[in-house]
Amino acid sequence: MSYRTIVILLLFTIIQVSAFAQSDSLSISLDSVPKIDTIQAQPSKAEMLGAKIDSLVAHAIASEAFPGCVIHTLYKGEELFSKSYGFHTYDSLQPMNFYDIFDLASVSKNTGGVLAMMKLYEMGLVQLDDPIKDYVKGFGWNKRGRSTIREAMSHQAGLQSWIKFYEEIKKKNGKYRSRTLAEEQSEEYPFKAADGKYVHKDFYQKIKKMIRHSTYHKEKKYIYSDLFFYLVPEIVTNLTGMEYEEFLRYHYYDSLEAATIGFNPLLNYDPSSIVPTEIDTFFRMENIHGTVHDEGAILMKGVSGHAGLFANASDLSKVWQMLLNGGEYKGKRYLKPATIELFSSYQYPSNDSRRGLGFDKPLLEYDPKLSSVAERASVYSFGHSGYTGTFVWVDPMHDLLYIFLSNRVYPSRDHRAIYELNVRPQIHTWLYEMVLPESVQKVENFEKN
């Protein structure tokens, strides 16, 4: 019997006694009837989780950590908490919609580049301990080309972090060198990077040359680097004859029905459904909306292995739920469990590197000041963050998927409150508190080999 039913019955009894007491046959004082305290319904764990996230996100938006965000979480394949917050921009003109499309930034590495490399590996077309020069033209004589695929994907190849390509192509007088950017569109300069900036059709060869001549660290210690992932589209085409995006759609996105995942979304979607990123004041000099935020990727005509992908949270979750499921989604197998386990495992823990093959992983020793994930995230978990304010993480041990999409770089990348407020790790922590009993502790820190 429910509390509500009990209360109703007791109140009914009191009324009956009161009526009977007014008759000549019985005299009972109502003061002698026990008083019943009002029973307050306790909020559920889900309601408490939602209230905490609502409060944190409201504070983050007020602190200009980001104008809006979308959170999407799944536990054991079922929705745990999903909600959109805020607006596209701080003028509060367009509310954020759960199905709005975001620039994924470096989440593109895993949702694109790593997926491609895993498929090539399974097809027997790539060996992880082969040198890069075996797969990319022009690197045969180069030290960088002698680094292995495994080293490069684990950020252990001695490559520098990134290159300001847009600065490297300038002359001393500030004008762009020939065969780089032009002010007007033409057959030779077909791709628009911004108003008055059109990219030469062969600009990728310039990028390769700059990578070949970039700073090289002989020690090969852990240095997070974008550079190898610029080369992944060429590796795919050299080995399969397919264009990079075509390969990804054929093997993953189309079958997953993840329609919004792709490059250059303005070709297929209205700008109103795409969340803007930054008001660029140093290169493109315009509001970046619907074109890739990353300065290197835009010079790759929007298509690269390190950045360039856009997606909404729903479609992004399909890719990562497939990875969480060990390569299977809705009865179709995309990858072997052993492949995902290999790529998502620590590769060089003895070098104090927490990275897998393209995937980020929990710190080898948890530090709340440095960790981007919850302390209870298992050593089997993996994911990645993106510079624009994106984040995705899956934990096979606990069957938990967490997606956080925002445009924290709007209107400027100088906005750092998302880190100062610890927004994404805090929500991640609450998710673990929601699904795991307190008795379940984090797996012990990974022991270095």
Protein backbone atom coordinates (compact mmCIF):
# COMPACT_ATOMS: atom_id res chain seq x y z
CA MET A 1 0.00 0.00 0.00
CA SER A 2 1.41 3.44 -0.95
CA TYR A 3 2.03 6.29 1.47
CA ARG A 4 -0.62 8.29 -0.33
CA THR A 5 -3.24 5.58 0.19
CA ILE A 6 -2.38 5.31 3.88
CA VAL A 7 -2.73 9.06 4.36
CA ILE A 8 -6.11 9.12 2.60
CA LEU A 9 -7.44 6.24 4.73
CA LEU A 10 -6.28 7.85 7.97
CA LEU A 11 -7.80 11.19 7.05
CA PHE A 12 -11.04 9.44 6.15
CA THR A 13 -11.02 7.72 9.56
CA ILE A 14 -10.46 11.03 11.32
CA ILE A 15 -13.41 12.57 9.52
CA GLN A 16 -15.60 9.62 10.44
CA VAL A 17 -14.55 9.75 14.08
CA SER A 18 -15.16 13.48 14.16
CA ALA A 19 -18.66 13.03 12.81
CA PHE A 20 -19.39 10.20 15.22
CA ALA A 21 -18.04 12.18 18.17
CA GLN A 22 -20.62 14.89 17.57
CA SER A 23 -23.42 12.38 18.27
CA ASP A 24 -24.82 11.72 21.78
CA SER A 25 -23.45 8.17 21.83
CA LEU A 26 -19.75 9.10 22.06
CA SER A 27 -17.62 12.03 23.07
CA ILE A 28 -14.06 11.98 21.74
CA SER A 29 -11.71 14.94 21.56
CA LEU A 30 -9.93 15.31 18.22
CA ASP A 31 -6.88 16.40 20.19
CA SER A 32 -6.43 12.78 21.16
CA VAL A 33 -6.09 11.68 17.53
CA PRO A 34 -2.40 11.35 16.48
CA LYS A 35 -1.24 14.02 14.05
CA ILE A 36 0.29 12.85 10.76
CA ASP A 37 3.27 14.68 9.29
CA THR A 38 3.08 15.43 5.56
CA ILE A 39 5.15 12.87 3.65
CA GLN A 40 7.55 14.50 1.16
CA ALA A 41 8.39 12.49 -1.97
CA GLN A 42 12.14 11.94 -2.19
CA PRO A 43 13.74 12.89 -5.53
CA SER A 44 15.04 9.97 -7.56
CA LYS A 45 18.74 9.53 -8.36
CA ALA A 46 18.00 10.56 -11.93
CA GLU A 47 16.29 13.76 -10.77
CA MET A 48 19.19 14.55 -8.45
CA LEU A 49 21.67 13.98 -11.27
CA GLY A 50 19.70 16.25 -13.57
CA ALA A 51 19.46 18.98 -10.94
CA LYS A 52 23.22 18.94 -10.34
CA ILE A 53 24.03 19.06 -14.05
CA ASP A 54 21.47 21.83 -14.61
CA SER A 55 23.06 23.92 -11.87
CA LEU A 56 26.64 23.39 -13.06
CA VAL A 57 25.83 24.12 -16.70
CA ALA A 58 23.83 27.24 -15.79
CA HIS A 59 26.82 28.50 -13.80
CA ALA A 60 29.17 27.65 -16.68
CA ILE A 61 27.05 29.55 -19.20
CA ALA A 62 26.80 32.54 -16.84
CA SER A 63 30.61 32.40 -16.51
CA GLU A 64 30.93 32.37 -20.31
CA ALA A 65 32.51 28.95 -20.41
CA PHE A 66 30.34 28.38 -23.49
CA PRO A 67 27.06 29.84 -24.79
CA GLY A 68 25.42 26.42 -24.97
CA CYS A 69 26.03 22.69 -24.96
CA VAL A 70 24.51 19.27 -25.56
CA ILE A 71 25.03 16.36 -23.17
CA HIS A 72 24.22 12.80 -24.23
CA THR A 73 24.89 9.78 -22.02
CA LEU A 74 24.06 6.11 -22.37
CA TYR A 75 24.32 3.33 -19.80
CA LYS A 76 24.12 -0.26 -21.00
CA GLY A 77 22.93 1.08 -24.33
CA GLU A 78 20.00 2.98 -22.82
CA GLU A 79 19.69 6.72 -22.41
CA LEU A 80 20.82 7.85 -18.97
CA PHE A 81 20.78 11.63 -19.28
CA SER A 82 20.46 13.74 -22.42
CA LYS A 83 19.73 17.44 -22.69
CA SER A 84 20.56 20.62 -24.56
CA TYR A 85 21.35 23.90 -22.82
CA GLY A 86 21.73 27.56 -23.66
CA PHE A 87 22.02 29.12 -27.08
CA HIS A 88 24.25 29.07 -30.14
CA THR A 89 25.72 32.45 -29.15
CA TYR A 90 25.58 34.79 -26.17
CA ASP A 91 22.99 37.02 -27.83
CA SER A 92 20.45 34.30 -26.94
CA LEU A 93 18.78 34.46 -30.35
CA GLN A 94 18.86 30.76 -31.25
CA PRO A 95 18.27 28.14 -28.55
CA MET A 96 20.50 25.08 -28.60
CA ASN A 97 18.76 22.02 -30.02
CA PHE A 98 19.73 18.47 -29.07
CA TYR A 99 20.20 17.62 -32.77
CA ASP A 100 22.36 20.63 -33.64
CA ILE A 101 25.65 19.89 -35.41
CA PHE A 102 29.02 20.68 -33.79
CA ASP A 103 32.59 21.00 -35.03
CA LEU A 104 34.23 17.98 -33.33
CA ALA A 105 37.82 19.30 -33.55
CA SER A 106 40.23 16.56 -32.36
CA VAL A 107 37.39 14.14 -31.66
CA SER A 108 37.73 13.79 -35.46
CA LYS A 109 40.95 11.83 -34.86
CA ASN A 110 39.05 8.91 -33.35
CA THR A 111 35.72 9.29 -35.10
CA GLY A 112 37.54 9.43 -38.45
CA GLY A 113 41.29 8.87 -38.59
CA VAL A 114 41.53 6.05 -36.07
CA LEU A 115 38.44 4.31 -37.48
CA ALA A 116 40.09 4.37 -40.91
CA MET A 117 43.37 2.98 -39.59
CA MET A 118 41.60 0.22 -37.65
CA LYS A 119 39.79 -0.89 -40.79
CA LEU A 120 43.01 -0.81 -42.85
CA TYR A 121 44.70 -2.85 -40.13
CA GLU A 122 41.94 -5.46 -40.21
CA MET A 123 42.11 -5.58 -44.00
CA GLY A 124 45.81 -6.42 -43.72
CA LEU A 125 46.80 -3.24 -45.55
CA VAL A 126 48.61 -1.60 -42.62
CA GLN A 127 51.12 -3.03 -40.16
CA LEU A 128 51.51 -0.96 -37.03
CA ASP A 129 55.28 -1.38 -36.76
CA ASP A 130 55.97 -0.48 -40.38
CA PRO A 131 57.52 2.95 -41.04
CA ILE A 132 55.37 5.84 -42.23
CA LYS A 133 57.44 6.06 -45.43
CA ASP A 134 55.94 2.75 -46.60
CA TYR A 135 52.52 4.38 -46.84
CA VAL A 136 53.09 8.07 -47.63
CA LYS A 137 54.86 9.33 -50.74
CA GLY A 138 57.84 11.64 -50.27
CA PHE A 139 58.95 10.42 -46.84
CA GLY A 140 61.43 7.75 -47.99
CA TRP A 141 64.59 9.69 -47.11
CA ASN A 142 63.15 11.49 -44.11
CA LYS A 143 63.72 10.75 -40.40
CA ARG A 144 60.06 11.39 -39.74
CA GLY A 145 59.22 8.78 -42.33
CA ARG A 146 61.22 6.17 -40.43
CA SER A 147 58.98 6.50 -37.39
CA THR A 148 56.41 3.71 -37.22
CA ILE A 149 52.66 3.91 -37.55
CA ARG A 150 52.37 2.78 -33.93
CA GLU A 151 54.69 5.53 -32.73
CA ALA A 152 52.92 8.18 -34.76
CA MET A 153 49.41 7.21 -33.66
CA SER A 154 50.56 7.09 -30.02
CA HIS A 155 52.19 10.54 -30.24
CA GLN A 156 55.58 8.92 -29.71
CA ALA A 157 57.20 9.54 -33.11
CA GLY A 158 59.24 12.62 -32.30
CA LEU A 159 56.96 14.90 -34.33
CA GLN A 160 56.31 18.44 -33.19
CA SER A 161 52.84 19.25 -31.88
CA TRP A 162 51.55 21.32 -34.79
CA ILE A 163 52.52 23.81 -37.46
CA LYS A 164 51.03 27.24 -38.12
CA PHE A 165 50.67 26.57 -41.82
CA TYR A 166 48.80 29.83 -42.36
CA GLU A 167 51.86 31.72 -41.06
CA GLU A 168 54.47 29.58 -42.81
CA ILE A 169 53.05 30.41 -46.25
CA LYS A 170 53.50 34.17 -45.80
CA LYS A 171 56.31 36.22 -47.26
CA LYS A 172 58.16 38.79 -45.17
CA ASN A 173 55.90 41.49 -46.59
CA GLY A 174 52.83 39.64 -45.29
CA LYS A 175 51.59 38.45 -48.67
CA TYR A 176 51.00 34.77 -49.38
CA ARG A 177 53.49 32.77 -51.39
CA SER A 178 52.55 31.51 -54.83
CA ARG A 179 50.38 28.40 -55.14
CA THR A 180 49.02 28.77 -51.60
CA LEU A 181 46.12 31.22 -51.19
CA ALA A 182 44.49 33.61 -53.64
CA GLU A 183 42.01 36.45 -53.21
CA GLU A 184 39.71 35.18 -55.95
CA GLN A 185 38.28 31.76 -56.70
CA SER A 186 39.43 29.99 -59.85
CA GLU A 187 40.02 26.53 -61.27
CA GLU A 188 43.48 26.60 -59.70
CA TYR A 189 42.17 27.95 -56.38
CA PRO A 190 38.79 26.23 -56.03
CA PHE A 191 38.23 25.90 -52.27
CA LYS A 192 37.03 28.82 -50.17
CA ALA A 193 38.70 29.06 -46.76
CA ALA A 194 37.25 32.51 -46.08
CA ASP A 195 36.22 35.64 -47.93
CA GLY A 196 39.18 36.60 -50.10
CA LYS A 197 41.11 33.43 -49.24
CA TYR A 198 40.92 30.53 -51.70
CA VAL A 199 43.11 27.44 -51.30
CA HIS A 200 45.31 26.15 -54.12
CA LYS A 201 44.23 22.77 -55.46
CA ASP A 202 47.60 21.18 -54.59
CA PHE A 203 48.10 22.84 -51.23
CA TYR A 204 48.34 19.44 -49.51
CA GLN A 205 51.77 18.99 -51.09
CA LYS A 206 52.90 22.16 -49.29
CA ILE A 207 51.61 20.71 -46.02
CA LYS A 208 53.53 17.47 -46.58
CA LYS A 209 56.70 19.41 -47.31
CA MET A 210 56.35 21.43 -44.11
CA ILE A 211 55.78 18.24 -42.10
CA ARG A 212 58.88 16.67 -43.64
CA HIS A 213 60.95 19.69 -42.61
CA SER A 214 59.36 20.20 -39.21
CA THR A 215 61.20 19.93 -35.90
CA TYR A 216 62.12 16.34 -35.09
CA HIS A 217 62.80 15.06 -31.56
CA LYS A 218 65.27 12.17 -31.64
CA GLU A 219 64.39 11.11 -28.11
CA LYS A 220 60.86 10.20 -29.23
CA LYS A 221 59.29 11.05 -25.93
CA TYR A 222 55.55 11.62 -25.62
CA ILE A 223 54.56 14.76 -27.53
CA TYR A 224 50.93 15.17 -28.53
CA SER A 225 51.03 15.84 -32.27
CA ASP A 226 48.47 16.42 -35.01
CA LEU A 227 50.93 15.96 -37.85
CA PHE A 228 50.62 12.25 -38.65
CA PHE A 229 46.84 12.54 -38.84
CA TYR A 230 47.15 15.03 -41.70
CA LEU A 231 48.56 12.11 -43.69
CA VAL A 232 45.82 9.57 -42.94
CA PRO A 233 43.53 10.56 -45.86
CA GLU A 234 46.42 9.96 -48.29
CA ILE A 235 47.18 6.59 -46.67
CA VAL A 236 43.55 5.56 -47.18
CA THR A 237 43.53 6.63 -50.82
CA ASN A 238 46.93 5.10 -51.61
CA LEU A 239 45.85 1.72 -50.21
CA THR A 240 42.21 1.52 -51.28
CA GLY A 241 41.71 3.94 -54.16
CA MET A 242 38.84 5.53 -52.21
CA GLU A 243 38.65 9.10 -50.99
CA TYR A 244 38.90 9.41 -47.23
CA GLU A 245 35.31 10.49 -46.51
CA GLU A 246 33.98 7.96 -49.02
CA PHE A 247 35.89 5.21 -47.20
CA LEU A 248 34.49 6.24 -43.82
CA ARG A 249 30.95 6.46 -45.12
CA TYR A 250 31.17 3.10 -46.84
CA HIS A 251 32.59 1.21 -43.88
CA TYR A 252 30.90 3.07 -41.00
CA TYR A 253 28.67 6.12 -41.19
CA ASP A 254 26.13 5.02 -43.81
CA SER A 255 25.44 1.64 -42.20
CA LEU A 256 25.27 3.25 -38.75
CA GLU A 257 22.75 5.75 -40.16
CA ALA A 258 24.92 8.52 -38.77
CA ALA A 259 24.00 11.04 -41.45
CA THR A 260 25.31 14.21 -39.81
CA ILE A 261 28.86 12.89 -39.37
CA GLY A 262 30.93 14.33 -42.16
CA PHE A 263 33.10 17.13 -43.48
CA ASN A 264 32.04 20.54 -44.81
CA PRO A 265 28.47 20.36 -43.48
CA LEU A 266 27.28 23.44 -45.35
CA LEU A 267 27.13 21.22 -48.43
CA ASN A 268 24.21 19.34 -46.86
CA TYR A 269 22.79 21.31 -43.93
CA ASP A 270 21.35 24.72 -43.26
CA PRO A 271 23.61 27.00 -41.21
CA SER A 272 20.88 27.32 -38.58
CA SER A 273 21.42 23.67 -37.61
CA ILE A 274 25.19 24.12 -37.22
CA VAL A 275 26.70 25.66 -34.09
CA PRO A 276 29.22 28.47 -34.79
CA THR A 277 32.71 28.28 -33.33
CA GLU A 278 34.96 31.36 -33.26
CA ILE A 279 35.06 34.90 -34.56
CA ASP A 280 38.49 34.64 -36.17
CA THR A 281 40.57 37.81 -35.77
CA PHE A 282 43.98 36.59 -36.98
CA PHE A 283 43.64 34.44 -40.13
CA ARG A 284 40.23 34.19 -41.73
CA MET A 285 38.94 37.41 -40.15
CA GLU A 286 35.32 36.29 -40.02
CA ASN A 287 32.74 34.40 -37.99
CA ILE A 288 33.52 30.70 -38.45
CA HIS A 289 30.18 29.01 -38.90
CA GLY A 290 29.78 25.74 -40.78
CA THR A 291 33.42 25.52 -41.85
CA VAL A 292 36.08 23.76 -39.82
CA HIS A 293 37.58 25.81 -37.00
CA ASP A 294 41.07 24.27 -37.22
CA GLU A 295 43.40 26.44 -39.32
CA GLY A 296 45.27 23.45 -40.74
CA ALA A 297 42.16 21.49 -41.64
CA ILE A 298 40.66 24.40 -43.56
CA LEU A 299 43.82 24.43 -45.71
CA MET A 300 43.17 20.71 -46.31
CA LYS A 301 39.87 21.82 -47.89
CA GLY A 302 38.08 20.90 -44.69
CA VAL A 303 39.02 17.21 -44.82
CA SER A 304 41.75 15.81 -42.58
CA GLY A 305 42.42 12.98 -40.18
CA HIS A 306 43.12 15.29 -37.25
CA ALA A 307 40.11 17.63 -37.48
CA GLY A 308 37.25 18.56 -39.79
CA LEU A 309 34.42 16.24 -38.82
CA PHE A 310 31.06 17.63 -37.73
CA ALA A 311 28.25 15.68 -36.06
CA ASN A 312 25.32 15.90 -33.71
CA ALA A 313 25.37 14.06 -30.39
CA SER A 314 22.92 11.37 -31.49
CA ASP A 315 24.92 10.30 -34.55
CA LEU A 316 28.23 10.57 -32.71
CA SER A 317 26.92 8.19 -30.06
CA LYS A 318 26.28 5.53 -32.71
CA VAL A 319 29.97 5.36 -33.63
CA TRP A 320 31.10 5.30 -30.02
CA GLN A 321 28.43 2.84 -28.90
CA MET A 322 29.73 0.56 -31.65
CA LEU A 323 33.23 0.88 -30.19
CA LEU A 324 31.86 0.35 -26.69
CA ASN A 325 30.10 -2.80 -27.89
CA GLY A 326 33.37 -4.24 -29.15
CA GLY A 327 32.74 -3.36 -32.80
CA GLU A 328 29.09 -4.34 -33.15
CA TYR A 329 26.00 -2.15 -33.45
CA LYS A 330 22.40 -3.28 -33.93
CA GLY A 331 23.41 -6.73 -35.13
CA LYS A 332 26.06 -5.61 -37.62
CA ARG A 333 29.77 -6.06 -37.00
CA TYR A 334 32.08 -3.23 -38.01
CA LEU A 335 35.31 -4.14 -36.22
CA LYS A 336 36.70 -7.09 -34.30
CA PRO A 337 36.78 -6.82 -30.50
CA ALA A 338 40.51 -7.59 -30.53
CA THR A 339 41.17 -4.64 -32.85
CA ILE A 340 39.40 -2.19 -30.56
CA GLU A 341 41.14 -3.64 -27.52
CA LEU A 342 44.53 -3.23 -29.22
CA PHE A 343 43.97 0.34 -30.37
CA SER A 344 42.41 1.46 -27.08
CA SER A 345 45.20 0.02 -24.89
CA TYR A 346 48.12 1.93 -23.40
CA GLN A 347 51.00 1.70 -25.90
CA TYR A 348 54.00 3.27 -24.14
CA PRO A 349 53.22 3.38 -20.41
CA SER A 350 56.91 2.98 -19.56
CA ASN A 351 57.45 6.38 -21.22
CA ASP A 352 54.80 7.95 -18.99
CA SER A 353 52.39 8.10 -21.93
CA ARG A 354 48.72 7.53 -21.29
CA ARG A 355 47.84 7.28 -24.99
CA GLY A 356 46.49 4.40 -26.98
CA LEU A 357 46.64 4.23 -30.77
CA GLY A 358 44.97 7.57 -31.39
CA PHE A 359 42.76 7.22 -28.34
CA ASP A 360 43.20 9.14 -25.13
CA LYS A 361 43.03 7.20 -21.87
CA PRO A 362 42.98 7.89 -18.13
CA LEU A 363 46.18 9.11 -16.53
CA LEU A 364 48.48 6.31 -15.43
CA GLU A 365 48.20 7.76 -11.94
CA TYR A 366 45.08 9.78 -11.22
CA ASP A 367 45.57 13.47 -10.51
CA PRO A 368 42.41 15.58 -10.07
CA LYS A 369 44.24 18.71 -11.27
CA LEU A 370 45.28 17.11 -14.55
CA SER A 371 42.65 14.48 -15.33
CA SER A 372 40.00 15.18 -17.95
CA VAL A 373 37.91 12.19 -16.82
CA ALA A 374 36.33 10.92 -13.62
CA GLU A 375 38.51 9.12 -11.11
CA ARG A 376 36.30 6.05 -11.38
CA ALA A 377 36.84 5.74 -15.14
CA SER A 378 38.45 2.33 -15.58
CA VAL A 379 41.83 1.69 -17.18
CA TYR A 380 39.89 0.08 -20.04
CA SER A 381 38.08 3.33 -20.85
CA PHE A 382 39.04 5.58 -23.75
CA GLY A 383 37.93 8.63 -25.68
CA HIS A 384 39.13 12.09 -26.70
CA SER A 385 38.54 15.79 -26.24
CA GLY A 386 38.32 18.51 -28.88
CA TYR A 387 39.65 22.06 -28.83
CA THR A 388 36.28 23.58 -29.70
CA GLY A 389 34.79 22.24 -26.45
CA THR A 390 33.87 18.68 -27.39
CA PHE A 391 34.42 15.48 -25.46
CA VAL A 392 33.51 11.80 -25.76
CA TRP A 393 34.42 8.91 -23.46
CA VAL A 394 33.39 5.26 -23.24
CA ASP A 395 34.06 2.71 -20.51
CA PRO A 396 33.67 -0.95 -21.54
CA MET A 397 34.07 -2.11 -17.94
CA HIS A 398 30.99 -0.16 -16.84
CA ASP A 399 29.15 0.07 -20.19
CA LEU A 400 28.98 3.86 -19.96
CA LEU A 401 29.08 6.40 -22.81
CA TYR A 402 29.43 10.14 -22.23
CA ILE A 403 29.26 12.87 -24.87
CA PHE A 404 29.63 16.58 -24.18
CA LEU A 405 29.45 18.99 -27.11
CA SER A 406 29.93 22.74 -26.79
CA ASN A 407 31.37 25.71 -28.64
CA ARG A 408 33.57 26.99 -25.83
CA VAL A 409 35.74 28.91 -28.36
CA TYR A 410 32.87 31.29 -29.14
CA PRO A 411 33.46 34.13 -29.57
CA SER A 412 37.14 33.60 -28.74
CA ARG A 413 39.45 30.72 -27.87
CA ASP A 414 40.63 32.83 -24.95
CA HIS A 415 37.57 31.64 -23.01
CA ARG A 416 39.01 29.09 -20.55
CA ALA A 417 36.24 28.80 -17.97
CA ILE A 418 35.29 25.30 -19.15
CA TYR A 419 38.62 24.14 -17.73
CA GLU A 420 38.61 26.37 -14.67
CA LEU A 421 35.15 25.12 -13.64
CA ASN A 422 36.10 21.51 -14.41
CA VAL A 423 32.77 21.10 -16.18
CA ARG A 424 33.28 17.92 -18.20
CA PRO A 425 35.13 15.85 -15.56
CA GLN A 426 32.61 16.87 -12.89
CA ILE A 427 29.65 15.68 -14.95
CA HIS A 428 31.58 12.50 -15.73
CA THR A 429 32.09 11.94 -12.00
CA TRP A 430 28.38 12.35 -11.29
CA LEU A 431 27.54 9.83 -14.01
CA TYR A 432 29.69 7.21 -12.30
CA GLU A 433 28.09 8.02 -8.95
CA MET A 434 24.72 7.49 -10.61
CA VAL A 435 25.41 4.07 -12.11
CA LEU A 436 27.92 2.55 -9.68
CA PRO A 437 27.36 1.67 -6.03
CA GLU A 438 29.83 3.22 -3.61
CA SER A 439 31.26 -0.23 -2.95
CA VAL A 440 32.56 -0.43 -6.52
CA GLN A 441 35.98 1.16 -6.52
CA LYS A 442 38.17 2.24 -9.41
CA VAL A 443 40.49 -0.42 -10.82
CA GLU A 444 43.98 0.13 -9.43
CA ASN A 445 46.28 2.49 -11.32
CA PHE A 446 47.88 0.94 -14.37
CA GLU A 447 51.26 -0.57 -13.61
CA LYS A 448 53.97 0.54 -16.01
CA ASN A 449 55.79 -2.19 -17.86
